[in-house]
């Protein structure tokens, strides 16, 4: 759609949310497959991915 100012590009075009109980759990789940996942990204986009790790507060 657009970024913060009219006519500007959006900061993101897609997002995926993965939930883990800790950063360590994410690292042990993602780590062994990181190379394959990152190598697959150019098959469907030329945008450089951004990984953000956040803490969900309820």
PDB file of N, CA and C in Angstrom:
ATOM      1  N   UNK A   1       0.839  -1.168   0.000  1.00  0.00           N
ATOM      2  CA  UNK A   1       0.000   0.000   0.000  1.00  0.00           C
ATOM      3  C   UNK A   1       0.898   1.250   0.000  1.00  0.00           C
ATOM      4  N   UNK A   2       1.447   1.645   1.154  1.00  0.00           N
ATOM      5  CA  UNK A   2       2.391   2.761   1.190  1.00  0.00           C
ATOM      6  C   UNK A   2       3.114   2.766   2.522  1.00  0.00           C
ATOM      7  N   UNK A   3       4.134   3.617   2.590  1.00  0.00           N
ATOM      8  CA  UNK A   3       4.865   3.805   3.829  1.00  0.00           C
ATOM      9  C   UNK A   3       4.224   4.893   4.672  1.00  0.00           C
ATOM     10  N   UNK A   4       5.013   5.472   5.568  1.00  0.00           N
ATOM     11  CA  UNK A   4       4.490   6.468   6.501  1.00  0.00           C
ATOM     12  C   UNK A   4       4.078   7.767   5.817  1.00  0.00           C
ATOM     13  N   UNK A   5       4.746   8.126   4.734  1.00  0.00           N
ATOM     14  CA  UNK A   5       4.377   9.342   4.010  1.00  0.00           C
ATOM     15  C   UNK A   5       3.698   8.960   2.701  1.00  0.00           C
ATOM     16  N   UNK A   6       2.734   9.764   2.262  1.00  0.00           N
ATOM     17  CA  UNK A   6       2.015   9.436   1.028  1.00  0.00           C
ATOM     18  C   UNK A   6       2.969   9.217  -0.146  1.00  0.00           C
ATOM     19  N   UNK A   7       2.730   8.144  -0.876  1.00  0.00           N
ATOM     20  CA  UNK A   7       3.542   7.828  -2.045  1.00  0.00           C
ATOM     21  C   UNK A   7       4.841   7.099  -1.755  1.00  0.00           C
ATOM     22  N   UNK A   8       5.205   6.933  -0.474  1.00  0.00           N
ATOM     23  CA  UNK A   8       6.445   6.223  -0.154  1.00  0.00           C
ATOM     24  C   UNK A   8       6.202   4.721  -0.164  1.00  0.00           C
ATOM     25  N   UNK A   9       7.278   3.987  -0.345  1.00  0.00           N
ATOM     26  CA  UNK A   9       7.171   2.537  -0.376  1.00  0.00           C
ATOM     27  C   UNK A   9       6.970   1.998   1.041  1.00  0.00           C
ATOM     28  N   UNK A  10       6.209   0.916   1.183  1.00  0.00           N
ATOM     29  CA  UNK A  10       6.043   0.320   2.510  1.00  0.00           C
ATOM     30  C   UNK A  10       7.349  -0.301   2.994  1.00  0.00           C
ATOM     31  N   UNK A  11       7.535  -0.318   4.298  1.00  0.00           N
ATOM     32  CA  UNK A  11       8.741  -0.922   4.868  1.00  0.00           C
ATOM     33  C   UNK A  11       8.752  -2.432   4.676  1.00  0.00           C
ATOM     34  N   UNK A  12       7.574  -3.054   4.643  1.00  0.00           N
ATOM     35  CA  UNK A  12       7.469  -4.501   4.517  1.00  0.00           C
ATOM     36  C   UNK A  12       6.399  -4.841   3.487  1.00  0.00           C
ATOM     37  N   UNK A  13       6.600  -5.934   2.768  1.00  0.00           N
ATOM     38  CA  UNK A  13       5.592  -6.392   1.813  1.00  0.00           C
ATOM     39  C   UNK A  13       4.958  -7.707   2.271  1.00  0.00           C
ATOM     40  N   UNK A  14       5.588  -8.379   3.211  1.00  0.00           N
ATOM     41  CA  UNK A  14       5.038  -9.615   3.777  1.00  0.00           C
ATOM     42  C   UNK A  14       5.661  -9.836   5.147  1.00  0.00           C
ATOM     43  N   UNK A  15       4.938 -10.512   6.011  1.00  0.00           N
ATOM     44  CA  UNK A  15       5.450 -10.851   7.338  1.00  0.00           C
ATOM     45  C   UNK A  15       5.017 -12.265   7.691  1.00  0.00           C
ATOM     46  N   UNK A  16       5.838 -12.904   8.458  1.00  0.00           N
ATOM     47  CA  UNK A  16       5.476 -14.208   9.010  1.00  0.00           C
ATOM     48  C   UNK A  16       5.779 -14.169  10.498  1.00  0.00           C
ATOM     49  N   UNK A  17       4.920 -14.731  11.281  1.00  0.00           N
ATOM     50  CA  UNK A  17       5.108 -14.741  12.730  1.00  0.00           C
ATOM     51  C   UNK A  17       5.286 -16.176  13.198  1.00  0.00           C
ATOM     52  N   UNK A  18       6.382 -16.426  13.856  1.00  0.00           N
ATOM     53  CA  UNK A  18       6.666 -17.734  14.442  1.00  0.00           C
ATOM     54  C   UNK A  18       6.788 -17.525  15.942  1.00  0.00           C
ATOM     55  N   UNK A  19       6.141 -18.352  16.712  1.00  0.00           N
ATOM     56  CA  UNK A  19       6.143 -18.199  18.166  1.00  0.00           C
ATOM     57  C   UNK A  19       6.927 -19.321  18.818  1.00  0.00           C
ATOM     58  N   UNK A  20       7.868 -18.933  19.683  1.00  0.00           N
ATOM     59  CA  UNK A  20       8.683 -19.873  20.442  1.00  0.00           C
ATOM     60  C   UNK A  20       8.682 -19.417  21.893  1.00  0.00           C
ATOM     61  N   UNK A  21       8.945 -20.329  22.795  1.00  0.00           N
ATOM     62  CA  UNK A  21       8.975 -19.981  24.210  1.00  0.00           C
ATOM     63  C   UNK A  21      10.236 -19.238  24.614  1.00  0.00           C
ATOM     64  N   UNK A  22      11.281 -19.305  23.779  1.00  0.00           N
ATOM     65  CA  UNK A  22      12.526 -18.598  24.099  1.00  0.00           C
ATOM     66  C   UNK A  22      13.344 -18.406  22.826  1.00  0.00           C
ATOM     67  N   UNK A  23      14.329 -17.536  22.905  1.00  0.00           N
ATOM     68  CA  UNK A  23      15.241 -17.331  21.780  1.00  0.00           C
ATOM     69  C   UNK A  23      16.022 -18.618  21.528  1.00  0.00           C
ATOM     70  N   UNK A  24      16.399 -19.298  22.592  1.00  0.00           N
ATOM     71  CA  UNK A  24      17.140 -20.558  22.449  1.00  0.00           C
ATOM     72  C   UNK A  24      16.325 -21.595  21.679  1.00  0.00           C
ATOM     73  N   UNK A  25      15.016 -21.661  21.927  1.00  0.00           N
ATOM     74  CA  UNK A  25      14.171 -22.596  21.184  1.00  0.00           C
ATOM     75  C   UNK A  25      14.118 -22.229  19.704  1.00  0.00           C
ATOM     76  N   UNK A  26      14.008 -20.931  19.422  1.00  0.00           N
ATOM     77  CA  UNK A  26      14.030 -20.484  18.019  1.00  0.00           C
ATOM     78  C   UNK A  26      15.342 -20.896  17.364  1.00  0.00           C
ATOM     79  N   UNK A  27      16.452 -20.620  18.038  1.00  0.00           N
ATOM     80  CA  UNK A  27      17.759 -20.917  17.469  1.00  0.00           C
ATOM     81  C   UNK A  27      17.940 -22.403  17.206  1.00  0.00           C
ATOM     82  N   UNK A  28      17.478 -23.246  18.117  1.00  0.00           N
ATOM     83  CA  UNK A  28      17.655 -24.687  17.890  1.00  0.00           C
ATOM     84  C   UNK A  28      16.704 -25.212  16.821  1.00  0.00           C
ATOM     85  N   UNK A  29      15.557 -24.554  16.621  1.00  0.00           N
ATOM     86  CA  UNK A  29      14.634 -24.976  15.560  1.00  0.00           C
ATOM     87  C   UNK A  29      15.063 -24.441  14.199  1.00  0.00           C
ATOM     88  N   UNK A  30      15.491 -23.195  14.139  1.00  0.00           N
ATOM     89  CA  UNK A  30      15.845 -22.532  12.882  1.00  0.00           C
ATOM     90  C   UNK A  30      17.267 -22.875  12.442  1.00  0.00           C
ATOM     91  N   UNK A  31      18.172 -22.913  13.399  1.00  0.00           N
ATOM     92  CA  UNK A  31      19.599 -23.072  13.116  1.00  0.00           C
ATOM     93  C   UNK A  31      19.974 -24.182  12.156  1.00  0.00           C
ATOM     94  N   UNK A  32      19.501 -25.409  12.393  1.00  0.00           N
ATOM     95  CA  UNK A  32      19.885 -26.503  11.509  1.00  0.00           C
ATOM     96  C   UNK A  32      19.395 -26.338  10.067  1.00  0.00           C
ATOM     97  N   UNK A  33      18.370 -25.508   9.867  1.00  0.00           N
ATOM     98  CA  UNK A  33      17.782 -25.321   8.546  1.00  0.00           C
ATOM     99  C   UNK A  33      18.025 -23.928   7.979  1.00  0.00           C
ATOM    100  N   UNK A  34      18.763 -23.092   8.700  1.00  0.00           N
ATOM    101  CA  UNK A  34      18.968 -21.699   8.293  1.00  0.00           C
ATOM    102  C   UNK A  34      19.552 -21.600   6.887  1.00  0.00           C
ATOM    103  N   UNK A  35      20.550 -22.390   6.586  1.00  0.00           N
ATOM    104  CA  UNK A  35      21.165 -22.335   5.259  1.00  0.00           C
ATOM    105  C   UNK A  35      20.177 -22.649   4.148  1.00  0.00           C
ATOM    106  N   UNK A  36      19.380 -23.692   4.345  1.00  0.00           N
ATOM    107  CA  UNK A  36      18.396 -24.076   3.324  1.00  0.00           C
ATOM    108  C   UNK A  36      17.302 -23.023   3.192  1.00  0.00           C
ATOM    109  N   UNK A  37      16.840 -22.497   4.321  1.00  0.00           N
ATOM    110  CA  UNK A  37      15.791 -21.474   4.292  1.00  0.00           C
ATOM    111  C   UNK A  37      16.299 -20.224   3.578  1.00  0.00           C
ATOM    112  N   UNK A  38      17.474 -19.745   3.956  1.00  0.00           N
ATOM    113  CA  UNK A  38      18.020 -18.528   3.360  1.00  0.00           C
ATOM    114  C   UNK A  38      18.348 -18.735   1.879  1.00  0.00           C
ATOM    115  N   UNK A  39      18.786 -19.932   1.508  1.00  0.00           N
ATOM    116  CA  UNK A  39      19.094 -20.215   0.102  1.00  0.00           C
ATOM    117  C   UNK A  39      17.828 -20.267  -0.754  1.00  0.00           C
ATOM    118  N   UNK A  40      16.689 -20.577  -0.136  1.00  0.00           N
ATOM    119  CA  UNK A  40      15.427 -20.670  -0.879  1.00  0.00           C
ATOM    120  C   UNK A  40      14.801 -19.296  -1.138  1.00  0.00           C
ATOM    121  N   UNK A  41      15.113 -18.313  -0.334  1.00  0.00           N
ATOM    122  CA  UNK A  41      14.478 -16.991  -0.457  1.00  0.00           C
ATOM    123  C   UNK A  41      14.623 -16.395  -1.853  1.00  0.00           C
ATOM    124  N   UNK A  42      15.790 -16.443  -2.499  1.00  0.00           N
ATOM    125  CA  UNK A  42      15.891 -15.881  -3.852  1.00  0.00           C
ATOM    126  C   UNK A  42      15.004 -16.564  -4.893  1.00  0.00           C
ATOM    127  N   UNK A  43      14.446 -17.724  -4.557  1.00  0.00           N
ATOM    128  CA  UNK A  43      13.536 -18.399  -5.485  1.00  0.00           C
ATOM    129  C   UNK A  43      12.192 -17.685  -5.609  1.00  0.00           C
ATOM    130  N   UNK A  44      11.877 -16.822  -4.652  1.00  0.00           N
ATOM    131  CA  UNK A  44      10.584 -16.145  -4.730  1.00  0.00           C
ATOM    132  C   UNK A  44      10.635 -14.642  -4.482  1.00  0.00           C
ATOM    133  N   UNK A  45      11.788 -14.068  -4.162  1.00  0.00           N
ATOM    134  CA  UNK A  45      11.893 -12.610  -4.010  1.00  0.00           C
ATOM    135  C   UNK A  45      13.343 -12.172  -4.127  1.00  0.00           C
ATOM    136  N   UNK A  46      13.531 -10.898  -4.488  1.00  0.00           N
ATOM    137  CA  UNK A  46      14.877 -10.318  -4.482  1.00  0.00           C
ATOM    138  C   UNK A  46      15.045  -9.332  -3.327  1.00  0.00           C
ATOM    139  N   UNK A  47      14.074  -9.321  -2.423  1.00  0.00           N
ATOM    140  CA  UNK A  47      14.132  -8.445  -1.247  1.00  0.00           C
ATOM    141  C   UNK A  47      14.949  -9.119  -0.158  1.00  0.00           C
ATOM    142  N   UNK A  48      15.840  -8.361   0.453  1.00  0.00           N
ATOM    143  CA  UNK A  48      16.653  -8.876   1.555  1.00  0.00           C
ATOM    144  C   UNK A  48      15.764  -9.074   2.785  1.00  0.00           C
ATOM    145  N   UNK A  49      15.720 -10.287   3.356  1.00  0.00           N
ATOM    146  CA  UNK A  49      14.851 -10.509   4.517  1.00  0.00           C
ATOM    147  C   UNK A  49      15.367  -9.820   5.779  1.00  0.00           C
ATOM    148  N   UNK A  50      14.440  -9.526   6.668  1.00  0.00           N
ATOM    149  CA  UNK A  50      14.755  -8.968   7.984  1.00  0.00           C
ATOM    150  C   UNK A  50      14.185  -9.916   9.023  1.00  0.00           C
ATOM    151  N   UNK A  51      15.010 -10.322   9.957  1.00  0.00           N
ATOM    152  CA  UNK A  51      14.533 -11.167  11.054  1.00  0.00           C
ATOM    153  C   UNK A  51      14.493 -10.302  12.302  1.00  0.00           C
ATOM    154  N   UNK A  52      13.345 -10.275  12.936  1.00  0.00           N
ATOM    155  CA  UNK A  52      13.183  -9.509  14.174  1.00  0.00           C
ATOM    156  C   UNK A  52      12.713 -10.464  15.249  1.00  0.00           C
ATOM    157  N   UNK A  53      13.366 -10.435  16.395  1.00  0.00           N
ATOM    158  CA  UNK A  53      12.960 -11.265  17.515  1.00  0.00           C
ATOM    159  C   UNK A  53      12.372 -10.340  18.569  1.00  0.00           C
ATOM    160  N   UNK A  54      11.123 -10.611  18.921  1.00  0.00           N
ATOM    161  CA  UNK A  54      10.392  -9.767  19.867  1.00  0.00           C
ATOM    162  C   UNK A  54       9.887 -10.600  21.028  1.00  0.00           C
ATOM    163  N   UNK A  55       9.478  -9.915  22.069  1.00  0.00           N
ATOM    164  CA  UNK A  55       8.897 -10.559  23.242  1.00  0.00           C
ATOM    165  C   UNK A  55       7.414 -10.232  23.245  1.00  0.00           C
ATOM    166  N   UNK A  56       6.577 -11.258  23.245  1.00  0.00           N
ATOM    167  CA  UNK A  56       5.131 -11.054  23.252  1.00  0.00           C
ATOM    168  C   UNK A  56       4.684 -10.856  24.705  1.00  0.00           C
ATOM    169  N   UNK A  57       4.022  -9.738  24.942  1.00  0.00           N
ATOM    170  CA  UNK A  57       3.499  -9.433  26.289  1.00  0.00           C
ATOM    171  C   UNK A  57       1.984  -9.535  26.252  1.00  0.00           C
ATOM    172  N   UNK A  58       1.435 -10.278  27.170  1.00  0.00           N
ATOM    173  CA  UNK A  58      -0.030 -10.414  27.230  1.00  0.00           C
ATOM    174  C   UNK A  58      -0.511  -9.839  28.542  1.00  0.00           C
TER     175      UNK A  58
END
